[in-house]
Amino acid sequence: MLSNIFLGIAHGAFQEAIEFAQTQGRPWFNSGVKQVTDDPYILHRVGELSAEIRAAAALTESTATQLQFAWKRGDDLTITERGELALEIAAAKVITSRVGPARLFTLELSAEPYEYPY
């Protein structure tokens, strides 16, 4: 499934974003902390992204199990079951594509040095 590719990209991008934030990032000017690793805004975003990736992985695994079951049923699979499986596959594809690099880019942006404009 294409979802597995998207998920692999999301995992890799997440690790790279964390490394980038830790090595090149600075805390948000108004966070009240000195280290980016203590920045509550960054920590919140990392937690959200981690949860989203885990949820996408769980959905992908469930969908793969359903696909395997359907494959074993072969010609005995009903039209309704085929349609339901197609919806599950589409949902996994949508969710995994949304947790990929475009979403993780916000973590890298938030770790960029930012100066208050006033």
C-alpha atoms as a PDB file:
ATOM      1  CA  MET A   1       0.000   0.000   0.000  1.00  0.00           C
ATOM      2  CA  LEU A   2       1.127   3.519  -0.717  1.00  0.00           C
ATOM      3  CA  SER A   3       0.341   4.358   2.896  1.00  0.00           C
ATOM      4  CA  ASN A   4       3.413   2.431   4.032  1.00  0.00           C
ATOM      5  CA  ILE A   5       5.619   4.609   1.849  1.00  0.00           C
ATOM      6  CA  PHE A   6       4.015   7.783   3.222  1.00  0.00           C
ATOM      7  CA  LEU A   7       4.420   6.448   6.740  1.00  0.00           C
ATOM      8  CA  GLY A   8       8.105   5.670   6.180  1.00  0.00           C
ATOM      9  CA  ILE A   9       8.634   9.188   4.871  1.00  0.00           C
ATOM     10  CA  ALA A  10       6.823  10.616   7.904  1.00  0.00           C
ATOM     11  CA  HIS A  11       8.988   8.601  10.324  1.00  0.00           C
ATOM     12  CA  GLY A  12      12.200   9.717   8.634  1.00  0.00           C
ATOM     13  CA  ALA A  13      11.115  13.332   8.349  1.00  0.00           C
ATOM     14  CA  PHE A  14      10.050  13.365  12.003  1.00  0.00           C
ATOM     15  CA  GLN A  15      13.481  12.166  13.133  1.00  0.00           C
ATOM     16  CA  GLU A  16      15.197  14.735  10.913  1.00  0.00           C
ATOM     17  CA  ALA A  17      12.942  17.528  12.186  1.00  0.00           C
ATOM     18  CA  ILE A  18      13.741  16.646  15.795  1.00  0.00           C
ATOM     19  CA  GLU A  19      17.462  16.571  15.065  1.00  0.00           C
ATOM     20  CA  PHE A  20      17.243  19.898  13.257  1.00  0.00           C
ATOM     21  CA  ALA A  21      15.312  21.495  16.112  1.00  0.00           C
ATOM     22  CA  GLN A  22      17.798  20.197  18.691  1.00  0.00           C
ATOM     23  CA  THR A  23      20.934  21.209  16.812  1.00  0.00           C
ATOM     24  CA  GLN A  24      19.934  24.424  15.045  1.00  0.00           C
ATOM     25  CA  GLY A  25      16.790  25.658  16.726  1.00  0.00           C
ATOM     26  CA  ARG A  26      16.210  28.277  19.357  1.00  0.00           C
ATOM     27  CA  PRO A  27      13.236  28.551  21.679  1.00  0.00           C
ATOM     28  CA  TRP A  28      10.410  30.857  20.787  1.00  0.00           C
ATOM     29  CA  PHE A  29      11.225  34.351  22.074  1.00  0.00           C
ATOM     30  CA  ASN A  30       8.223  34.408  24.388  1.00  0.00           C
ATOM     31  CA  SER A  31       8.492  30.858  25.732  1.00  0.00           C
ATOM     32  CA  GLY A  32      10.449  31.873  28.832  1.00  0.00           C
ATOM     33  CA  VAL A  33      13.111  29.186  28.411  1.00  0.00           C
ATOM     34  CA  LYS A  34      16.716  29.232  27.229  1.00  0.00           C
ATOM     35  CA  GLN A  35      16.943  25.837  25.495  1.00  0.00           C
ATOM     36  CA  VAL A  36      14.840  24.730  22.531  1.00  0.00           C
ATOM     37  CA  THR A  37      14.478  21.322  24.216  1.00  0.00           C
ATOM     38  CA  ASP A  38      12.609  23.058  27.071  1.00  0.00           C
ATOM     39  CA  ASP A  39      10.351  25.148  24.837  1.00  0.00           C
ATOM     40  CA  PRO A  40       6.759  24.156  25.666  1.00  0.00           C
ATOM     41  CA  TYR A  41       5.572  25.126  22.180  1.00  0.00           C
ATOM     42  CA  ILE A  42       8.134  22.884  20.496  1.00  0.00           C
ATOM     43  CA  LEU A  43       7.463  20.059  22.960  1.00  0.00           C
ATOM     44  CA  HIS A  44       3.727  20.375  22.325  1.00  0.00           C
ATOM     45  CA  ARG A  45       4.232  20.233  18.555  1.00  0.00           C
ATOM     46  CA  VAL A  46       6.552  17.223  18.810  1.00  0.00           C
ATOM     47  CA  GLY A  47       3.971  15.443  20.955  1.00  0.00           C
ATOM     48  CA  GLU A  48       1.180  16.199  18.499  1.00  0.00           C
ATOM     49  CA  LEU A  49       3.208  14.994  15.531  1.00  0.00           C
ATOM     50  CA  SER A  50       4.270  11.842  17.351  1.00  0.00           C
ATOM     51  CA  ALA A  51       0.646  11.035  18.190  1.00  0.00           C
ATOM     52  CA  GLU A  52      -0.460  11.694  14.618  1.00  0.00           C
ATOM     53  CA  ILE A  53       2.240   9.417  13.210  1.00  0.00           C
ATOM     54  CA  ARG A  54       1.356   6.673  15.691  1.00  0.00           C
ATOM     55  CA  ALA A  55      -2.326   6.940  14.790  1.00  0.00           C
ATOM     56  CA  ALA A  56      -1.482   6.794  11.090  1.00  0.00           C
ATOM     57  CA  ALA A  57       0.685   3.720  11.712  1.00  0.00           C
ATOM     58  CA  ALA A  58      -2.152   2.001  13.600  1.00  0.00           C
ATOM     59  CA  LEU A  59      -4.632   2.765  10.810  1.00  0.00           C
ATOM     60  CA  THR A  60      -2.176   1.525   8.185  1.00  0.00           C
ATOM     61  CA  GLU A  61      -1.583  -1.706  10.094  1.00  0.00           C
ATOM     62  CA  SER A  62      -5.318  -2.293  10.527  1.00  0.00           C
ATOM     63  CA  THR A  63      -5.931  -1.618   6.841  1.00  0.00           C
ATOM     64  CA  ALA A  64      -3.132  -3.976   5.822  1.00  0.00           C
ATOM     65  CA  THR A  65      -4.695  -6.708   7.966  1.00  0.00           C
ATOM     66  CA  GLN A  66      -8.072  -6.125   6.321  1.00  0.00           C
ATOM     67  CA  LEU A  67      -6.451  -6.203   2.885  1.00  0.00           C
ATOM     68  CA  GLN A  68      -4.735  -9.505   3.674  1.00  0.00           C
ATOM     69  CA  PHE A  69      -8.040 -10.974   4.847  1.00  0.00           C
ATOM     70  CA  ALA A  70      -9.758  -9.773   1.673  1.00  0.00           C
ATOM     71  CA  TRP A  71      -6.959 -11.188  -0.482  1.00  0.00           C
ATOM     72  CA  LYS A  72      -7.434 -14.614   1.124  1.00  0.00           C
ATOM     73  CA  ARG A  73     -11.183 -14.496   0.458  1.00  0.00           C
ATOM     74  CA  GLY A  74     -10.506 -13.945  -3.227  1.00  0.00           C
ATOM     75  CA  ASP A  75     -13.614 -14.229  -5.375  1.00  0.00           C
ATOM     76  CA  ASP A  76     -15.775 -14.791  -2.292  1.00  0.00           C
ATOM     77  CA  LEU A  77     -15.371 -11.138  -1.341  1.00  0.00           C
ATOM     78  CA  THR A  78     -18.661  -9.300  -1.860  1.00  0.00           C
ATOM     79  CA  ILE A  79     -19.034  -6.008  -3.674  1.00  0.00           C
ATOM     80  CA  THR A  80     -19.921  -4.336  -0.367  1.00  0.00           C
ATOM     81  CA  GLU A  81     -16.786  -5.725   1.285  1.00  0.00           C
ATOM     82  CA  ARG A  82     -14.679  -4.522  -1.634  1.00  0.00           C
ATOM     83  CA  GLY A  83     -16.172  -1.056  -1.284  1.00  0.00           C
ATOM     84  CA  GLU A  84     -15.586  -0.966   2.467  1.00  0.00           C
ATOM     85  CA  LEU A  85     -11.981  -2.067   1.971  1.00  0.00           C
ATOM     86  CA  ALA A  86     -11.478   0.602  -0.695  1.00  0.00           C
ATOM     87  CA  LEU A  87     -12.698   3.235   1.781  1.00  0.00           C
ATOM     88  CA  GLU A  88     -10.300   1.945   4.465  1.00  0.00           C
ATOM     89  CA  ILE A  89      -7.388   2.033   2.030  1.00  0.00           C
ATOM     90  CA  ALA A  90      -8.298   5.561   0.939  1.00  0.00           C
ATOM     91  CA  ALA A  91      -8.570   6.714   4.553  1.00  0.00           C
ATOM     92  CA  ALA A  92      -5.141   5.276   5.366  1.00  0.00           C
ATOM     93  CA  LYS A  93      -3.669   6.978   2.306  1.00  0.00           C
ATOM     94  CA  VAL A  94      -5.170  10.357   3.222  1.00  0.00           C
ATOM     95  CA  ILE A  95      -4.090  10.212   6.862  1.00  0.00           C
ATOM     96  CA  THR A  96      -0.559   9.014   6.133  1.00  0.00           C
ATOM     97  CA  SER A  97      -0.063  11.617   3.423  1.00  0.00           C
ATOM     98  CA  ARG A  98      -1.062  14.347   5.893  1.00  0.00           C
ATOM     99  CA  VAL A  99       1.526  13.398   8.513  1.00  0.00           C
ATOM    100  CA  GLY A 100       4.391  13.524   6.036  1.00  0.00           C
ATOM    101  CA  PRO A 101       7.023  16.162   5.335  1.00  0.00           C
ATOM    102  CA  ALA A 102       4.644  19.053   4.686  1.00  0.00           C
ATOM    103  CA  ARG A 103       3.217  18.695   8.196  1.00  0.00           C
ATOM    104  CA  LEU A 104       6.609  18.179   9.778  1.00  0.00           C
ATOM    105  CA  PHE A 105       7.933  21.292   8.078  1.00  0.00           C
ATOM    106  CA  THR A 106       6.029  23.314  10.685  1.00  0.00           C
ATOM    107  CA  LEU A 107       8.248  21.822  13.395  1.00  0.00           C
ATOM    108  CA  GLU A 108      11.363  22.882  11.537  1.00  0.00           C
ATOM    109  CA  LEU A 109       9.962  26.360  10.964  1.00  0.00           C
ATOM    110  CA  SER A 110       9.116  26.742  14.617  1.00  0.00           C
ATOM    111  CA  ALA A 111      12.706  25.827  15.476  1.00  0.00           C
ATOM    112  CA  GLU A 112      14.139  28.505  13.177  1.00  0.00           C
ATOM    113  CA  PRO A 113      15.584  31.567  14.860  1.00  0.00           C
ATOM    114  CA  TYR A 114      12.841  34.132  15.189  1.00  0.00           C
ATOM    115  CA  GLU A 115      13.210  37.682  16.301  1.00  0.00           C
ATOM    116  CA  TYR A 116      10.265  39.696  17.506  1.00  0.00           C
ATOM    117  CA  PRO A 117       9.557  42.251  14.731  1.00  0.00           C
ATOM    118  CA  TYR A 118       8.756  45.260  16.986  1.00  0.00           C
END
